[in-house]
Structure formats: structure tokens, C-alpha cells
Amino acid sequence: MPVYSFECCQCGKEFTKLVRLKDKGEVFCPRCGSREVKQLFRPFNYVKITQKYNPACPLAWNCVSAKRFGCGKYSPTKPPEVDLSELEKSQAE
């Protein structure tokens, strides 16, 4: 649903409202309750994403969006398992 800006013709209050297209004729002023409102056309904001993936994604190989959105390197197979028992033994000593 788009957000529209309106101005009340009775009291002059400007307000924004999330309105379905089919309900645009049912908008009323939140201050005085008047249905005499006109739509204002304002510039809108948008965000352009230039980065293709999140560099902080530690599990890029298993990321569902990796193949579709370039979140790191996609590999259809799981990386080899690492035996940490040797590392744990050396740290315990």
C-alpha cells in the first residue's frame, strides 16, 4: 500500500496516510474529521543498494540467498569437516 500526502481543505492540516488505491476517496482529516482533502504530490525517497552481499555473512556457503543475490561465494556442497580434537588437545597442554 502506498503512503500518500494530503491537505485538509477545511483546517489546512497536512498529513500522510497509508491508503489502498480503492480507499483513496474515504480519507478524512485526523484533526477536524473533514472528508474534503486534496492529495499533495511530494518527492519520494528511495535507497539504492550498491553492495551485492553482506561481507559479514559468516556462512555464505550455506546462505539461501547466496546463489540469487551474491552473498559471498556459493558452493552447492558443504565444505569438508575439520577435526578439532587435535586443536583442542594442543590448547589444553
N, C-alpha and C. Protein backbone atom coordinates (compact mmCIF):
# COMPACT_ATOMS: atom_id res chain seq x y z
N MET A 1 0.84 -1.18 0.00
CA MET A 1 0.00 0.00 0.00
C MET A 1 0.89 1.24 0.00
N PRO A 2 0.58 2.18 -0.85
CA PRO A 2 1.38 3.40 -0.89
C PRO A 2 1.00 4.38 0.21
N VAL A 3 1.95 5.24 0.55
CA VAL A 3 1.73 6.31 1.51
C VAL A 3 1.48 7.59 0.71
N TYR A 4 0.37 8.24 0.98
CA TYR A 4 0.01 9.47 0.28
C TYR A 4 0.04 10.64 1.24
N SER A 5 0.32 11.82 0.71
CA SER A 5 0.26 13.06 1.49
C SER A 5 -1.03 13.79 1.11
N PHE A 6 -1.70 14.33 2.12
CA PHE A 6 -2.96 15.04 1.91
C PHE A 6 -2.93 16.36 2.65
N GLU A 7 -3.82 17.27 2.23
CA GLU A 7 -4.04 18.53 2.94
C GLU A 7 -5.54 18.69 3.10
N CYS A 8 -5.96 19.03 4.32
CA CYS A 8 -7.37 19.24 4.59
C CYS A 8 -7.79 20.60 4.04
N CYS A 9 -8.90 20.63 3.31
CA CYS A 9 -9.41 21.89 2.75
C CYS A 9 -10.11 22.74 3.81
N GLN A 10 -10.50 22.15 4.94
CA GLN A 10 -11.19 22.88 6.00
C GLN A 10 -10.22 23.55 6.97
N CYS A 11 -9.30 22.76 7.54
CA CYS A 11 -8.41 23.31 8.57
C CYS A 11 -6.97 23.50 8.10
N GLY A 12 -6.62 22.99 6.92
CA GLY A 12 -5.28 23.20 6.37
C GLY A 12 -4.22 22.23 6.87
N LYS A 13 -4.60 21.26 7.68
CA LYS A 13 -3.62 20.30 8.21
C LYS A 13 -3.08 19.42 7.08
N GLU A 14 -1.76 19.27 7.05
CA GLU A 14 -1.12 18.35 6.12
C GLU A 14 -0.83 17.05 6.87
N PHE A 15 -1.11 15.93 6.24
CA PHE A 15 -0.89 14.63 6.87
C PHE A 15 -0.61 13.59 5.82
N THR A 16 0.00 12.49 6.26
CA THR A 16 0.27 11.36 5.37
C THR A 16 -0.53 10.17 5.87
N LYS A 17 -0.91 9.33 4.94
CA LYS A 17 -1.72 8.18 5.31
C LYS A 17 -1.39 7.01 4.39
N LEU A 18 -1.35 5.84 4.96
CA LEU A 18 -1.17 4.60 4.22
C LEU A 18 -2.55 4.18 3.72
N VAL A 19 -2.75 4.24 2.39
CA VAL A 19 -4.08 4.07 1.84
C VAL A 19 -4.05 3.12 0.65
N ARG A 20 -4.99 2.19 0.62
CA ARG A 20 -5.15 1.36 -0.58
C ARG A 20 -5.74 2.23 -1.68
N LEU A 21 -5.40 1.93 -2.91
CA LEU A 21 -5.86 2.72 -4.04
C LEU A 21 -7.38 2.82 -4.08
N LYS A 22 -8.06 1.73 -3.78
CA LYS A 22 -9.52 1.75 -3.83
C LYS A 22 -10.14 2.55 -2.69
N ASP A 23 -9.37 2.84 -1.62
CA ASP A 23 -9.88 3.58 -0.47
C ASP A 23 -9.47 5.05 -0.46
N LYS A 24 -8.87 5.54 -1.54
CA LYS A 24 -8.41 6.93 -1.55
C LYS A 24 -9.55 7.93 -1.36
N GLY A 25 -10.75 7.60 -1.78
CA GLY A 25 -11.89 8.51 -1.62
C GLY A 25 -12.45 8.55 -0.22
N GLU A 26 -11.99 7.68 0.66
CA GLU A 26 -12.51 7.59 2.02
C GLU A 26 -11.58 8.21 3.06
N VAL A 27 -10.61 8.99 2.62
CA VAL A 27 -9.64 9.60 3.54
C VAL A 27 -10.29 10.80 4.24
N PHE A 28 -10.02 10.94 5.53
CA PHE A 28 -10.54 12.08 6.28
C PHE A 28 -9.42 12.72 7.09
N CYS A 29 -9.61 13.97 7.46
CA CYS A 29 -8.61 14.73 8.22
C CYS A 29 -8.55 14.21 9.65
N PRO A 30 -7.35 13.93 10.16
CA PRO A 30 -7.24 13.45 11.55
C PRO A 30 -7.51 14.55 12.58
N ARG A 31 -7.43 15.82 12.17
CA ARG A 31 -7.65 16.92 13.11
C ARG A 31 -9.14 17.26 13.23
N CYS A 32 -9.80 17.54 12.08
CA CYS A 32 -11.19 18.00 12.15
C CYS A 32 -12.21 16.98 11.65
N GLY A 33 -11.74 15.89 11.02
CA GLY A 33 -12.65 14.85 10.55
C GLY A 33 -13.26 15.11 9.18
N SER A 34 -12.91 16.21 8.55
CA SER A 34 -13.48 16.55 7.24
C SER A 34 -13.01 15.57 6.17
N ARG A 35 -13.91 15.28 5.24
CA ARG A 35 -13.55 14.42 4.11
C ARG A 35 -13.11 15.26 2.90
N GLU A 36 -13.12 16.58 3.06
CA GLU A 36 -12.66 17.47 1.99
C GLU A 36 -11.14 17.59 2.08
N VAL A 37 -10.46 16.67 1.45
CA VAL A 37 -8.99 16.67 1.45
C VAL A 37 -8.51 16.61 0.01
N LYS A 38 -7.34 17.18 -0.21
CA LYS A 38 -6.73 17.08 -1.54
C LYS A 38 -5.38 16.39 -1.41
N GLN A 39 -5.08 15.61 -2.40
CA GLN A 39 -3.81 14.87 -2.38
C GLN A 39 -2.68 15.81 -2.78
N LEU A 40 -1.59 15.74 -2.04
CA LEU A 40 -0.39 16.51 -2.35
C LEU A 40 0.61 15.59 -3.03
N PHE A 41 1.32 16.12 -3.98
CA PHE A 41 2.33 15.32 -4.67
C PHE A 41 3.70 15.77 -4.20
N ARG A 42 4.34 14.93 -3.44
CA ARG A 42 5.64 15.22 -2.84
C ARG A 42 6.70 14.34 -3.48
N PRO A 43 7.97 14.80 -3.44
CA PRO A 43 9.04 13.91 -3.88
C PRO A 43 9.15 12.74 -2.91
N PHE A 44 9.66 11.64 -3.37
CA PHE A 44 9.76 10.47 -2.52
C PHE A 44 11.22 10.06 -2.38
N ASN A 45 11.50 9.31 -1.34
CA ASN A 45 12.85 8.82 -1.07
C ASN A 45 12.96 7.37 -1.49
N TYR A 46 14.16 6.98 -1.86
CA TYR A 46 14.43 5.58 -2.13
C TYR A 46 15.87 5.30 -1.78
N VAL A 47 16.18 4.05 -1.57
CA VAL A 47 17.54 3.63 -1.23
C VAL A 47 18.05 2.76 -2.36
N LYS A 48 19.19 3.12 -2.89
CA LYS A 48 19.81 2.31 -3.93
C LYS A 48 20.92 1.50 -3.29
N ILE A 49 20.80 0.20 -3.35
CA ILE A 49 21.80 -0.68 -2.75
C ILE A 49 22.87 -0.96 -3.79
N THR A 50 24.10 -0.57 -3.48
CA THR A 50 25.20 -0.79 -4.42
C THR A 50 26.03 -2.00 -4.04
N GLN A 51 25.90 -2.45 -2.81
CA GLN A 51 26.66 -3.60 -2.34
C GLN A 51 25.87 -4.87 -2.64
N LYS A 52 26.50 -5.87 -3.22
CA LYS A 52 25.79 -7.06 -3.64
C LYS A 52 25.64 -8.11 -2.55
N TYR A 53 26.42 -8.02 -1.50
CA TYR A 53 26.32 -9.02 -0.44
C TYR A 53 26.77 -8.41 0.87
N ASN A 54 26.46 -9.09 1.92
CA ASN A 54 26.86 -8.67 3.25
C ASN A 54 28.21 -9.30 3.56
N PRO A 55 29.29 -8.51 3.65
CA PRO A 55 30.61 -9.09 3.91
C PRO A 55 30.73 -9.75 5.28
N ALA A 56 29.79 -9.47 6.16
CA ALA A 56 29.83 -10.06 7.50
C ALA A 56 29.11 -11.41 7.55
N CYS A 57 28.68 -11.91 6.42
CA CYS A 57 27.94 -13.17 6.38
C CYS A 57 28.92 -14.33 6.59
N PRO A 58 28.97 -14.94 7.78
CA PRO A 58 29.96 -15.98 8.05
C PRO A 58 29.64 -17.32 7.39
N LEU A 59 28.41 -17.55 7.04
CA LEU A 59 28.02 -18.83 6.46
C LEU A 59 27.56 -18.65 5.02
N ALA A 60 28.34 -17.93 4.23
CA ALA A 60 27.93 -17.63 2.85
C ALA A 60 27.71 -18.90 2.05
N TRP A 61 28.46 -19.96 2.32
CA TRP A 61 28.30 -21.19 1.55
C TRP A 61 26.92 -21.81 1.76
N ASN A 62 26.32 -21.55 2.93
CA ASN A 62 25.03 -22.14 3.26
C ASN A 62 23.89 -21.13 3.16
N CYS A 63 24.19 -19.94 2.73
CA CYS A 63 23.21 -18.86 2.68
C CYS A 63 22.21 -19.12 1.55
N VAL A 64 20.94 -19.12 1.86
CA VAL A 64 19.90 -19.37 0.86
C VAL A 64 19.97 -18.34 -0.25
N SER A 65 20.30 -17.11 0.11
CA SER A 65 20.33 -16.05 -0.89
C SER A 65 21.65 -15.95 -1.63
N ALA A 66 22.63 -16.79 -1.30
CA ALA A 66 23.95 -16.68 -1.91
C ALA A 66 23.91 -16.83 -3.42
N LYS A 67 23.18 -17.82 -3.88
CA LYS A 67 23.13 -18.07 -5.32
C LYS A 67 22.37 -16.96 -6.04
N ARG A 68 21.30 -16.49 -5.44
CA ARG A 68 20.46 -15.49 -6.09
C ARG A 68 21.00 -14.08 -5.96
N PHE A 69 21.59 -13.73 -4.83
CA PHE A 69 21.95 -12.35 -4.56
C PHE A 69 23.45 -12.12 -4.40
N GLY A 70 24.27 -13.11 -4.58
CA GLY A 70 25.70 -12.92 -4.49
C GLY A 70 26.21 -12.72 -3.08
N CYS A 71 25.62 -13.37 -2.11
CA CYS A 71 26.05 -13.24 -0.71
C CYS A 71 27.27 -14.13 -0.51
N GLY A 72 28.43 -13.62 -0.82
CA GLY A 72 29.64 -14.42 -0.69
C GLY A 72 29.77 -15.38 -1.85
N LYS A 73 30.50 -16.47 -1.65
CA LYS A 73 30.69 -17.46 -2.71
C LYS A 73 29.74 -18.62 -2.46
N TYR A 74 29.04 -19.01 -3.48
CA TYR A 74 28.07 -20.10 -3.35
C TYR A 74 28.73 -21.41 -3.73
N SER A 75 28.52 -22.40 -2.90
CA SER A 75 29.01 -23.74 -3.19
C SER A 75 27.87 -24.71 -2.93
N PRO A 76 27.51 -25.53 -3.91
CA PRO A 76 26.40 -26.45 -3.70
C PRO A 76 26.72 -27.57 -2.72
N THR A 77 28.00 -27.77 -2.41
CA THR A 77 28.38 -28.81 -1.47
C THR A 77 28.91 -28.18 -0.20
N LYS A 78 28.72 -28.87 0.89
CA LYS A 78 29.19 -28.39 2.18
C LYS A 78 30.71 -28.51 2.23
N PRO A 79 31.40 -27.56 2.84
CA PRO A 79 32.85 -27.66 2.95
C PRO A 79 33.26 -28.86 3.80
N PRO A 80 34.49 -29.34 3.64
CA PRO A 80 34.92 -30.52 4.40
C PRO A 80 34.90 -30.25 5.91
N GLU A 81 34.58 -31.30 6.65
CA GLU A 81 34.56 -31.20 8.11
C GLU A 81 36.00 -31.10 8.62
N VAL A 82 36.18 -30.33 9.66
CA VAL A 82 37.50 -30.16 10.26
C VAL A 82 37.51 -30.86 11.61
N ASP A 83 38.52 -31.66 11.85
CA ASP A 83 38.65 -32.37 13.12
C ASP A 83 39.31 -31.43 14.12
N LEU A 84 38.55 -30.98 15.08
CA LEU A 84 39.05 -30.03 16.06
C LEU A 84 39.68 -30.70 17.28
N SER A 85 39.66 -32.02 17.34
CA SER A 85 40.19 -32.70 18.52
C SER A 85 41.68 -32.45 18.69
N GLU A 86 42.44 -32.42 17.58
CA GLU A 86 43.88 -32.15 17.67
C GLU A 86 44.13 -30.73 18.17
N LEU A 87 43.35 -29.80 17.71
CA LEU A 87 43.49 -28.41 18.14
C LEU A 87 43.16 -28.27 19.62
N GLU A 88 42.09 -28.94 20.05
CA GLU A 88 41.70 -28.88 21.46
C GLU A 88 42.76 -29.50 22.36
N LYS A 89 43.39 -30.59 21.91
CA LYS A 89 44.45 -31.23 22.70
C LYS A 89 45.64 -30.30 22.84
N SER A 90 46.02 -29.64 21.76
CA SER A 90 47.20 -28.76 21.82
C SER A 90 46.93 -27.53 22.68
N GLN A 91 45.70 -27.06 22.72
CA GLN A 91 45.37 -25.90 23.55
C GLN A 91 45.28 -26.28 25.02
N ALA A 92 44.94 -27.54 25.31
CA ALA A 92 44.82 -27.99 26.69
C ALA A 92 46.19 -28.14 27.35
N GLU A 93 47.22 -28.35 26.54
CA GLU A 93 48.56 -28.58 27.10
C GLU A 93 49.23 -27.33 27.55
